[in-house]
PDB file of all heavy atoms in Angstrom:
ATOM      1  N   VAL A   1     -13.022 -10.236   2.982  1.00  0.00           N
ATOM      2  CA  VAL A   1     -12.175 -10.705   1.837  1.00  0.00           C
ATOM      3  C   VAL A   1     -12.967 -11.211   0.755  1.00  0.00           C
ATOM      4  O   VAL A   1     -14.020 -11.899   0.897  1.00  0.00           O
ATOM      5  CB  VAL A   1     -11.164 -11.819   2.390  1.00  0.00           C
ATOM      6  CG1 VAL A   1     -10.639 -12.662   1.218  1.00  0.00           C
ATOM      7  CG2 VAL A   1     -10.020 -11.300   3.209  1.00  0.00           C
ATOM      8  N   THR A   2     -12.611 -10.828  -0.475  1.00  0.00           N
ATOM      9  CA  THR A   2     -13.360 -11.203  -1.611  1.00  0.00           C
ATOM     10  C   THR A   2     -12.356 -11.224  -2.853  1.00  0.00           C
ATOM     11  O   THR A   2     -11.421 -10.350  -2.888  1.00  0.00           O
ATOM     12  CB  THR A   2     -14.620 -10.456  -1.879  1.00  0.00           C
ATOM     13  OG1 THR A   2     -15.204 -11.035  -3.055  1.00  0.00           O
ATOM     14  CG2 THR A   2     -14.198  -9.003  -2.059  1.00  0.00           C
ATOM     15  N   HIS A   3     -12.758 -11.928  -3.899  1.00  0.00           N
ATOM     16  CA  HIS A   3     -12.033 -11.753  -5.164  1.00  0.00           C
ATOM     17  C   HIS A   3     -12.955 -11.069  -6.135  1.00  0.00           C
ATOM     18  O   HIS A   3     -12.482 -10.722  -7.253  1.00  0.00           O
ATOM     19  CB  HIS A   3     -11.670 -13.129  -5.791  1.00  0.00           C
ATOM     20  CG  HIS A   3     -12.804 -14.031  -6.147  1.00  0.00           C
ATOM     21  ND1 HIS A   3     -13.438 -14.859  -5.157  1.00  0.00           N
ATOM     22  CD2 HIS A   3     -13.578 -14.216  -7.306  1.00  0.00           C
ATOM     23  CE1 HIS A   3     -14.467 -15.366  -5.764  1.00  0.00           C
ATOM     24  NE2 HIS A   3     -14.604 -15.045  -7.033  1.00  0.00           N
ATOM     25  N   ASP A   4     -14.144 -10.722  -5.730  1.00  0.00           N
ATOM     26  CA  ASP A   4     -15.173 -10.115  -6.529  1.00  0.00           C
ATOM     27  C   ASP A   4     -15.033  -8.628  -6.382  1.00  0.00           C
ATOM     28  O   ASP A   4     -15.490  -8.096  -5.325  1.00  0.00           O
ATOM     29  CB  ASP A   4     -16.436 -10.602  -6.267  1.00  0.00           C
ATOM     30  CG  ASP A   4     -17.550 -10.189  -7.166  1.00  0.00           C
ATOM     31  OD1 ASP A   4     -17.408  -9.064  -7.746  1.00  0.00           O
ATOM     32  OD2 ASP A   4     -18.569 -10.799  -7.242  1.00  0.00           O
ATOM     33  N   GLN A   5     -14.545  -7.912  -7.468  1.00  0.00           N
ATOM     34  CA  GLN A   5     -14.393  -6.493  -7.160  1.00  0.00           C
ATOM     35  C   GLN A   5     -15.801  -5.735  -7.189  1.00  0.00           C
ATOM     36  O   GLN A   5     -15.779  -4.679  -6.547  1.00  0.00           O
ATOM     37  CB  GLN A   5     -13.574  -5.945  -8.344  1.00  0.00           C
ATOM     38  CG  GLN A   5     -14.053  -6.199  -9.839  1.00  0.00           C
ATOM     39  CD  GLN A   5     -14.740  -4.976 -10.397  1.00  0.00           C
ATOM     40  OE1 GLN A   5     -14.891  -4.030  -9.894  1.00  0.00           O
ATOM     41  NE2 GLN A   5     -15.356  -5.329 -11.555  1.00  0.00           N
ATOM     42  N   THR A   6     -16.814  -6.412  -7.652  1.00  0.00           N
ATOM     43  CA  THR A   6     -18.203  -5.646  -7.411  1.00  0.00           C
ATOM     44  C   THR A   6     -18.504  -5.695  -5.925  1.00  0.00           C
ATOM     45  O   THR A   6     -19.053  -4.636  -5.447  1.00  0.00           O
ATOM     46  CB  THR A   6     -19.266  -6.463  -8.180  1.00  0.00           C
ATOM     47  OG1 THR A   6     -18.933  -6.579  -9.669  1.00  0.00           O
ATOM     48  CG2 THR A   6     -20.580  -5.840  -8.094  1.00  0.00           C
ATOM     49  N   GLU A   7     -18.280  -6.786  -5.234  1.00  0.00           N
ATOM     50  CA  GLU A   7     -18.448  -6.813  -3.779  1.00  0.00           C
ATOM     51  C   GLU A   7     -17.651  -5.710  -3.073  1.00  0.00           C
ATOM     52  O   GLU A   7     -18.103  -5.046  -2.156  1.00  0.00           O
ATOM     53  CB  GLU A   7     -18.170  -8.221  -3.166  1.00  0.00           C
ATOM     54  CG  GLU A   7     -19.253  -9.290  -3.464  1.00  0.00           C
ATOM     55  CD  GLU A   7     -18.794 -10.610  -2.843  1.00  0.00           C
ATOM     56  OE1 GLU A   7     -18.073 -10.617  -1.814  1.00  0.00           O
ATOM     57  OE2 GLU A   7     -19.159 -11.642  -3.427  1.00  0.00           O
ATOM     58  N   ALA A   8     -16.382  -5.700  -3.495  1.00  0.00           N
ATOM     59  CA  ALA A   8     -15.534  -4.779  -2.902  1.00  0.00           C
ATOM     60  C   ALA A   8     -15.940  -3.348  -3.074  1.00  0.00           C
ATOM     61  O   ALA A   8     -16.019  -2.477  -2.086  1.00  0.00           O
ATOM     62  CB  ALA A   8     -14.110  -4.878  -3.529  1.00  0.00           C
ATOM     63  N   MET A   9     -16.392  -2.983  -4.321  1.00  0.00           N
ATOM     64  CA  MET A   9     -16.842  -1.673  -4.443  1.00  0.00           C
ATOM     65  C   MET A   9     -18.154  -1.179  -3.846  1.00  0.00           C
ATOM     66  O   MET A   9     -18.287  -0.071  -3.400  1.00  0.00           O
ATOM     67  CB  MET A   9     -17.078  -1.457  -6.071  1.00  0.00           C
ATOM     68  CG  MET A   9     -15.787  -1.608  -6.867  1.00  0.00           C
ATOM     69  SD  MET A   9     -14.574  -0.179  -6.689  1.00  0.00           S
ATOM     70  CE  MET A   9     -15.358   0.999  -7.715  1.00  0.00           C
ATOM     71  N   THR A  10     -18.973  -2.195  -3.687  1.00  0.00           N
ATOM     72  CA  THR A  10     -20.309  -1.975  -3.087  1.00  0.00           C
ATOM     73  C   THR A  10     -20.336  -1.946  -1.524  1.00  0.00           C
ATOM     74  O   THR A  10     -21.125  -1.251  -0.946  1.00  0.00           O
ATOM     75  CB  THR A  10     -21.484  -2.815  -3.551  1.00  0.00           C
ATOM     76  OG1 THR A  10     -21.001  -4.240  -3.385  1.00  0.00           O
ATOM     77  CG2 THR A  10     -21.653  -2.628  -5.072  1.00  0.00           C
ATOM     78  N   LEU A  11     -19.427  -2.752  -0.958  1.00  0.00           N
ATOM     79  CA  LEU A  11     -19.410  -2.994   0.478  1.00  0.00           C
ATOM     80  C   LEU A  11     -18.483  -2.004   1.284  1.00  0.00           C
ATOM     81  O   LEU A  11     -18.742  -1.628   2.284  1.00  0.00           O
ATOM     82  CB  LEU A  11     -19.093  -4.340   0.738  1.00  0.00           C
ATOM     83  CG  LEU A  11     -20.201  -5.423   0.321  1.00  0.00           C
ATOM     84  CD1 LEU A  11     -19.650  -6.836   0.615  1.00  0.00           C
ATOM     85  CD2 LEU A  11     -21.505  -5.266   1.161  1.00  0.00           C
ATOM     86  N   GLY A  12     -17.312  -1.829   0.666  1.00  0.00           N
ATOM     87  CA  GLY A  12     -16.255  -1.260   1.543  1.00  0.00           C
ATOM     88  C   GLY A  12     -16.236   0.287   1.728  1.00  0.00           C
ATOM     89  O   GLY A  12     -16.584   0.969   0.700  1.00  0.00           O
ATOM     90  N   ASP A  13     -15.908   0.672   2.899  1.00  0.00           N
ATOM     91  CA  ASP A  13     -15.571   2.151   3.045  1.00  0.00           C
ATOM     92  C   ASP A  13     -14.253   2.400   2.382  1.00  0.00           C
ATOM     93  O   ASP A  13     -14.090   3.444   1.761  1.00  0.00           O
ATOM     94  CB  ASP A  13     -15.405   2.536   4.539  1.00  0.00           C
ATOM     95  CG  ASP A  13     -16.593   2.317   5.393  1.00  0.00           C
ATOM     96  OD1 ASP A  13     -17.782   2.545   4.828  1.00  0.00           O
ATOM     97  OD2 ASP A  13     -16.744   1.896   6.524  1.00  0.00           O
ATOM     98  N   ARG A  14     -13.315   1.408   2.533  1.00  0.00           N
ATOM     99  CA  ARG A  14     -12.022   1.527   1.837  1.00  0.00           C
ATOM    100  C   ARG A  14     -11.811   0.155   1.272  1.00  0.00           C
ATOM    101  O   ARG A  14     -12.279  -0.837   1.952  1.00  0.00           O
ATOM    102  CB  ARG A  14     -10.827   2.065   2.688  1.00  0.00           C
ATOM    103  CG  ARG A  14     -10.907   3.494   3.074  1.00  0.00           C
ATOM    104  CD  ARG A  14      -9.605   3.887   3.688  1.00  0.00           C
ATOM    105  NE  ARG A  14      -9.422   3.174   5.042  1.00  0.00           N
ATOM    106  CZ  ARG A  14      -8.278   2.940   5.551  1.00  0.00           C
ATOM    107  NH1 ARG A  14      -7.147   3.324   4.983  1.00  0.00           N
ATOM    108  NH2 ARG A  14      -8.198   2.295   6.735  1.00  0.00           N
ATOM    109  N   ILE A  15     -11.054   0.079   0.200  1.00  0.00           N
ATOM    110  CA  ILE A  15     -10.713  -1.312  -0.277  1.00  0.00           C
ATOM    111  C   ILE A  15      -9.161  -1.349  -0.416  1.00  0.00           C
ATOM    112  O   ILE A  15      -8.466  -0.398  -0.613  1.00  0.00           O
ATOM    113  CB  ILE A  15     -11.400  -1.666  -1.596  1.00  0.00           C
ATOM    114  CG1 ILE A  15     -11.055  -0.636  -2.734  1.00  0.00           C
ATOM    115  CG2 ILE A  15     -12.912  -1.737  -1.460  1.00  0.00           C
ATOM    116  CD1 ILE A  15     -11.771  -0.955  -4.023  1.00  0.00           C
ATOM    117  N   VAL A  16      -8.701  -2.494  -0.081  1.00  0.00           N
ATOM    118  CA  VAL A  16      -7.185  -2.839  -0.112  1.00  0.00           C
ATOM    119  C   VAL A  16      -7.105  -3.799  -1.366  1.00  0.00           C
ATOM    120  O   VAL A  16      -7.504  -4.912  -1.142  1.00  0.00           O
ATOM    121  CB  VAL A  16      -6.661  -3.428   1.237  1.00  0.00           C
ATOM    122  CG1 VAL A  16      -5.211  -3.607   1.141  1.00  0.00           C
ATOM    123  CG2 VAL A  16      -6.973  -2.463   2.354  1.00  0.00           C
ATOM    124  N   ILE A  17      -6.449  -3.253  -2.345  1.00  0.00           N
ATOM    125  CA  ILE A  17      -6.202  -4.229  -3.486  1.00  0.00           C
ATOM    126  C   ILE A  17      -4.864  -4.875  -3.423  1.00  0.00           C
ATOM    127  O   ILE A  17      -3.740  -4.200  -3.294  1.00  0.00           O
ATOM    128  CB  ILE A  17      -6.256  -3.397  -4.833  1.00  0.00           C
ATOM    129  CG1 ILE A  17      -7.684  -2.737  -4.902  1.00  0.00           C
ATOM    130  CG2 ILE A  17      -6.144  -4.268  -6.039  1.00  0.00           C
ATOM    131  CD1 ILE A  17      -7.735  -1.627  -5.948  1.00  0.00           C
ATOM    132  N   MET A  18      -4.819  -6.168  -3.513  1.00  0.00           N
ATOM    133  CA  MET A  18      -3.623  -6.978  -3.363  1.00  0.00           C
ATOM    134  C   MET A  18      -3.223  -7.760  -4.517  1.00  0.00           C
ATOM    135  O   MET A  18      -4.091  -8.153  -5.377  1.00  0.00           O
ATOM    136  CB  MET A  18      -3.808  -7.927  -2.124  1.00  0.00           C
ATOM    137  CG  MET A  18      -4.046  -7.299  -0.809  1.00  0.00           C
ATOM    138  SD  MET A  18      -4.056  -8.542   0.566  1.00  0.00           S
ATOM    139  CE  MET A  18      -2.393  -9.163   0.634  1.00  0.00           C
ATOM    140  N   ARG A  19      -1.906  -8.106  -4.650  1.00  0.00           N
ATOM    141  CA  ARG A  19      -1.385  -8.824  -5.728  1.00  0.00           C
ATOM    142  C   ARG A  19      -0.030  -9.395  -5.287  1.00  0.00           C
ATOM    143  O   ARG A  19       0.854  -8.651  -4.880  1.00  0.00           O
ATOM    144  CB  ARG A  19      -1.226  -7.948  -7.074  1.00  0.00           C
ATOM    145  CG  ARG A  19      -0.654  -8.743  -8.140  1.00  0.00           C
ATOM    146  CD  ARG A  19      -0.143  -7.681  -9.321  1.00  0.00           C
ATOM    147  NE  ARG A  19       0.063  -8.334 -10.562  1.00  0.00           N
ATOM    148  CZ  ARG A  19       0.642  -7.889 -11.622  1.00  0.00           C
ATOM    149  NH1 ARG A  19       0.976  -6.551 -11.471  1.00  0.00           N
ATOM    150  NH2 ARG A  19       0.837  -8.588 -12.641  1.00  0.00           N
ATOM    151  N   ASP A  20       0.096 -10.766  -5.455  1.00  0.00           N
ATOM    152  CA  ASP A  20       1.384 -11.436  -5.145  1.00  0.00           C
ATOM    153  C   ASP A  20       1.886 -11.056  -3.748  1.00  0.00           C
ATOM    154  O   ASP A  20       3.046 -10.959  -3.543  1.00  0.00           O
ATOM    155  CB  ASP A  20       2.376 -11.063  -6.107  1.00  0.00           C
ATOM    156  CG  ASP A  20       2.037 -11.393  -7.640  1.00  0.00           C
ATOM    157  OD1 ASP A  20       1.174 -12.239  -7.709  1.00  0.00           O
ATOM    158  OD2 ASP A  20       2.676 -10.913  -8.555  1.00  0.00           O
ATOM    159  N   GLY A  21       1.047 -10.897  -2.806  1.00  0.00           N
ATOM    160  CA  GLY A  21       1.440 -10.763  -1.405  1.00  0.00           C
ATOM    161  C   GLY A  21       1.514  -9.258  -1.063  1.00  0.00           C
ATOM    162  O   GLY A  21       1.824  -8.913   0.172  1.00  0.00           O
ATOM    163  N   TYR A  22       1.536  -8.287  -1.997  1.00  0.00           N
ATOM    164  CA  TYR A  22       1.867  -6.874  -1.656  1.00  0.00           C
ATOM    165  C   TYR A  22       0.593  -6.114  -1.906  1.00  0.00           C
ATOM    166  O   TYR A  22      -0.391  -6.487  -2.729  1.00  0.00           O
ATOM    167  CB  TYR A  22       2.845  -6.394  -2.872  1.00  0.00           C
ATOM    168  CG  TYR A  22       4.275  -6.686  -2.595  1.00  0.00           C
ATOM    169  CD1 TYR A  22       4.762  -7.702  -3.336  1.00  0.00           C
ATOM    170  CD2 TYR A  22       4.973  -6.015  -1.661  1.00  0.00           C
ATOM    171  CE1 TYR A  22       6.145  -8.056  -3.078  1.00  0.00           C
ATOM    172  CE2 TYR A  22       6.298  -6.294  -1.487  1.00  0.00           C
ATOM    173  CZ  TYR A  22       6.902  -7.397  -2.132  1.00  0.00           C
ATOM    174  OH  TYR A  22       8.104  -7.751  -1.943  1.00  0.00           O
ATOM    175  N   ILE A  23       0.312  -4.998  -1.140  1.00  0.00           N
ATOM    176  CA  ILE A  23      -0.763  -4.062  -1.323  1.00  0.00           C
ATOM    177  C   ILE A  23      -0.394  -3.232  -2.488  1.00  0.00           C
ATOM    178  O   ILE A  23       0.637  -2.678  -2.630  1.00  0.00           O
ATOM    179  CB  ILE A  23      -0.853  -3.118  -0.025  1.00  0.00           C
ATOM    180  CG1 ILE A  23      -1.305  -3.947   1.155  1.00  0.00           C
ATOM    181  CG2 ILE A  23      -1.850  -2.126  -0.325  1.00  0.00           C
ATOM    182  CD1 ILE A  23      -1.411  -3.162   2.429  1.00  0.00           C
ATOM    183  N   GLN A  24      -1.361  -3.199  -3.487  1.00  0.00           N
ATOM    184  CA  GLN A  24      -1.174  -2.264  -4.606  1.00  0.00           C
ATOM    185  C   GLN A  24      -1.709  -0.877  -4.409  1.00  0.00           C
ATOM    186  O   GLN A  24      -1.139   0.062  -4.945  1.00  0.00           O
ATOM    187  CB  GLN A  24      -1.840  -3.021  -5.798  1.00  0.00           C
ATOM    188  CG  GLN A  24      -1.326  -4.321  -6.121  1.00  0.00           C
ATOM    189  CD  GLN A  24       0.135  -4.369  -6.660  1.00  0.00           C
ATOM    190  OE1 GLN A  24       0.392  -3.624  -7.656  1.00  0.00           O
ATOM    191  NE2 GLN A  24       0.893  -5.152  -6.038  1.00  0.00           N
ATOM    192  N   GLN A  25      -2.877  -0.816  -3.819  1.00  0.00           N
ATOM    193  CA  GLN A  25      -3.452   0.479  -3.486  1.00  0.00           C
ATOM    194  C   GLN A  25      -4.556   0.429  -2.348  1.00  0.00           C
ATOM    195  O   GLN A  25      -5.167  -0.705  -2.282  1.00  0.00           O
ATOM    196  CB  GLN A  25      -4.207   1.022  -4.776  1.00  0.00           C
ATOM    197  CG  GLN A  25      -4.700   2.480  -4.585  1.00  0.00           C
ATOM    198  CD  GLN A  25      -5.148   3.106  -6.104  1.00  0.00           C
ATOM    199  OE1 GLN A  25      -4.777   2.510  -7.054  1.00  0.00           O
ATOM    200  NE2 GLN A  25      -5.840   4.210  -6.022  1.00  0.00           N
ATOM    201  N   ILE A  26      -4.591   1.442  -1.590  1.00  0.00           N
ATOM    202  CA  ILE A  26      -5.589   1.530  -0.531  1.00  0.00           C
ATOM    203  C   ILE A  26      -6.453   2.740  -0.815  1.00  0.00           C
ATOM    204  O   ILE A  26      -5.809   3.803  -0.988  1.00  0.00           O
ATOM    205  CB  ILE A  26      -5.091   1.518   0.813  1.00  0.00           C
ATOM    206  CG1 ILE A  26      -4.181   0.266   1.048  1.00  0.00           C
ATOM    207  CG2 ILE A  26      -6.194   1.603   1.862  1.00  0.00           C
ATOM    208  CD1 ILE A  26      -3.481   0.359   2.385  1.00  0.00           C
ATOM    209  N   GLY A  27      -7.720   2.713  -0.893  1.00  0.00           N
ATOM    210  CA  GLY A  27      -8.596   3.958  -1.023  1.00  0.00           C
ATOM    211  C   GLY A  27      -9.999   3.630  -1.025  1.00  0.00           C
ATOM    212  O   GLY A  27     -10.394   2.470  -0.890  1.00  0.00           O
ATOM    213  N   THR A  28     -10.830   4.648  -1.061  1.00  0.00           N
ATOM    214  CA  THR A  28     -12.327   4.480  -1.208  1.00  0.00           C
ATOM    215  C   THR A  28     -12.579   3.891  -2.532  1.00  0.00           C
ATOM    216  O   THR A  28     -11.712   3.928  -3.479  1.00  0.00           O
ATOM    217  CB  THR A  28     -13.042   5.790  -1.036  1.00  0.00           C
ATOM    218  OG1 THR A  28     -12.693   6.600  -2.114  1.00  0.00           O
ATOM    219  CG2 THR A  28     -12.665   6.514   0.245  1.00  0.00           C
ATOM    220  N   PRO A  29     -13.640   3.154  -2.710  1.00  0.00           N
ATOM    221  CA  PRO A  29     -14.008   2.635  -4.055  1.00  0.00           C
ATOM    222  C   PRO A  29     -13.922   3.717  -5.229  1.00  0.00           C
ATOM    223  O   PRO A  29     -13.398   3.340  -6.198  1.00  0.00           O
ATOM    224  CB  PRO A  29     -15.459   2.201  -3.928  1.00  0.00           C
ATOM    225  CG  PRO A  29     -15.502   1.745  -2.421  1.00  0.00           C
ATOM    226  CD  PRO A  29     -14.736   2.797  -1.672  1.00  0.00           C
ATOM    227  N   GLN A  30     -14.381   4.939  -4.899  1.00  0.00           N
ATOM    228  CA  GLN A  30     -14.426   5.991  -5.921  1.00  0.00           C
ATOM    229  C   GLN A  30     -12.912   6.430  -6.307  1.00  0.00           C
ATOM    230  O   GLN A  30     -12.595   6.627  -7.447  1.00  0.00           O
ATOM    231  CB  GLN A  30     -15.138   7.231  -5.598  1.00  0.00           C
ATOM    232  CG  GLN A  30     -15.683   8.015  -6.630  1.00  0.00           C
ATOM    233  CD  GLN A  30     -16.669   7.266  -7.690  1.00  0.00           C
ATOM    234  OE1 GLN A  30     -17.591   6.550  -7.132  1.00  0.00           O
ATOM    235  NE2 GLN A  30     -16.317   7.318  -8.872  1.00  0.00           N
ATOM    236  N   GLU A  31     -12.009   6.415  -5.195  1.00  0.00           N
ATOM    237  CA  GLU A  31     -10.604   6.826  -5.377  1.00  0.00           C
ATOM    238  C   GLU A  31      -9.886   5.769  -6.374  1.00  0.00           C
ATOM    239  O   GLU A  31      -9.187   6.198  -7.293  1.00  0.00           O
ATOM    240  CB  GLU A  31      -9.870   6.913  -4.044  1.00  0.00           C
ATOM    241  CG  GLU A  31     -10.317   8.221  -3.332  1.00  0.00           C
ATOM    242  CD  GLU A  31      -9.697   8.217  -1.888  1.00  0.00           C
ATOM    243  OE1 GLU A  31      -9.238   7.125  -1.449  1.00  0.00           O
ATOM    244  OE2 GLU A  31      -9.802   9.257  -1.194  1.00  0.00           O
ATOM    245  N   VAL A  32     -10.141   4.538  -5.956  1.00  0.00           N
ATOM    246  CA  VAL A  32      -9.341   3.515  -6.886  1.00  0.00           C
ATOM    247  C   VAL A  32      -9.955   3.408  -8.226  1.00  0.00           C
ATOM    248  O   VAL A  32      -9.232   3.046  -9.232  1.00  0.00           O
ATOM    249  CB  VAL A  32      -9.286   2.115  -6.062  1.00  0.00           C
ATOM    250  CG1 VAL A  32      -8.442   2.206  -4.746  1.00  0.00           C
ATOM    251  CG2 VAL A  32     -10.698   1.641  -5.856  1.00  0.00           C
ATOM    252  N   PHE A  33     -11.119   3.651  -8.370  1.00  0.00           N
ATOM    253  CA  PHE A  33     -11.845   3.648  -9.683  1.00  0.00           C
ATOM    254  C   PHE A  33     -11.306   4.798 -10.605  1.00  0.00           C
ATOM    255  O   PHE A  33     -10.954   4.663 -11.720  1.00  0.00           O
ATOM    256  CB  PHE A  33     -13.385   3.589  -9.544  1.00  0.00           C
ATOM    257  CG  PHE A  33     -14.031   3.565 -10.902  1.00  0.00           C
ATOM    258  CD1 PHE A  33     -14.332   2.342 -11.474  1.00  0.00           C
ATOM    259  CD2 PHE A  33     -14.570   4.698 -11.551  1.00  0.00           C
ATOM    260  CE1 PHE A  33     -14.887   2.179 -12.610  1.00  0.00           C
ATOM    261  CE2 PHE A  33     -15.170   4.635 -12.816  1.00  0.00           C
ATOM    262  CZ  PHE A  33     -15.467   3.205 -13.427  1.00  0.00           C
ATOM    263  N   ASN A  34     -11.326   6.043  -9.929  1.00  0.00           N
ATOM    264  CA  ASN A  34     -10.983   7.226 -10.649  1.00  0.00           C
ATOM    265  C   ASN A  34      -9.496   7.436 -10.823  1.00  0.00           C
ATOM    266  O   ASN A  34      -9.029   7.988 -11.860  1.00  0.00           O
ATOM    267  CB  ASN A  34     -11.525   8.511  -9.971  1.00  0.00           C
ATOM    268  CG  ASN A  34     -13.132   8.611 -10.056  1.00  0.00           C
ATOM    269  OD1 ASN A  34     -13.700   7.885 -10.964  1.00  0.00           O
ATOM    270  ND2 ASN A  34     -13.792   9.287  -9.147  1.00  0.00           N
ATOM    271  N   ASN A  35      -8.691   6.985  -9.790  1.00  0.00           N
ATOM    272  CA  ASN A  35      -7.280   7.237  -9.835  1.00  0.00           C
ATOM    273  C   ASN A  35      -6.509   5.968  -9.569  1.00  0.00           C
ATOM    274  O   ASN A  35      -5.772   5.850  -8.536  1.00  0.00           O
ATOM    275  CB  ASN A  35      -6.864   8.274  -8.791  1.00  0.00           C
ATOM    276  CG  ASN A  35      -7.688   9.653  -9.105  1.00  0.00           C
ATOM    277  OD1 ASN A  35      -7.575  10.244 -10.149  1.00  0.00           O
ATOM    278  ND2 ASN A  35      -8.384  10.087  -8.042  1.00  0.00           N
ATOM    279  N   PRO A  36      -6.480   5.030 -10.459  1.00  0.00           N
ATOM    280  CA  PRO A  36      -5.717   3.707 -10.192  1.00  0.00           C
ATOM    281  C   PRO A  36      -4.280   4.026 -10.174  1.00  0.00           C
ATOM    282  O   PRO A  36      -3.816   4.754 -11.113  1.00  0.00           O
ATOM    283  CB  PRO A  36      -6.167   2.855 -11.480  1.00  0.00           C
ATOM    284  CG  PRO A  36      -6.599   3.857 -12.416  1.00  0.00           C
ATOM    285  CD  PRO A  36      -7.267   5.010 -11.772  1.00  0.00           C
ATOM    286  N   ARG A  37      -3.498   3.504  -9.181  1.00  0.00           N
ATOM    287  CA  ARG A  37      -2.118   3.818  -9.145  1.00  0.00           C
ATOM    288  C   ARG A  37      -1.271   3.064 -10.078  1.00  0.00           C
ATOM    289  O   ARG A  37      -0.025   3.500 -10.236  1.00  0.00           O
ATOM    290  CB  ARG A  37      -1.725   3.684  -7.637  1.00  0.00           C
ATOM    291  CG  ARG A  37      -2.312   4.600  -6.629  1.00  0.00           C
ATOM    292  CD  ARG A  37      -2.130   5.981  -6.951  1.00  0.00           C
ATOM    293  NE  ARG A  37      -2.924   6.902  -6.231  1.00  0.00           N
ATOM    294  CZ  ARG A  37      -2.397   7.625  -5.175  1.00  0.00           C
ATOM    295  NH1 ARG A  37      -1.193   7.401  -4.808  1.00  0.00           N
ATOM    296  NH2 ARG A  37      -3.294   8.435  -4.417  1.00  0.00           N
TER     297      ARG A  37
END
């Protein structure tokens, strides 16, 4: 768990982006960077 997106991008096989208790997007760092939902 982190609030630092640099940590998320460098460490995760996949990252789960959350907001207000909901999942916003799940994907590899490259997927969420290139194709934000």
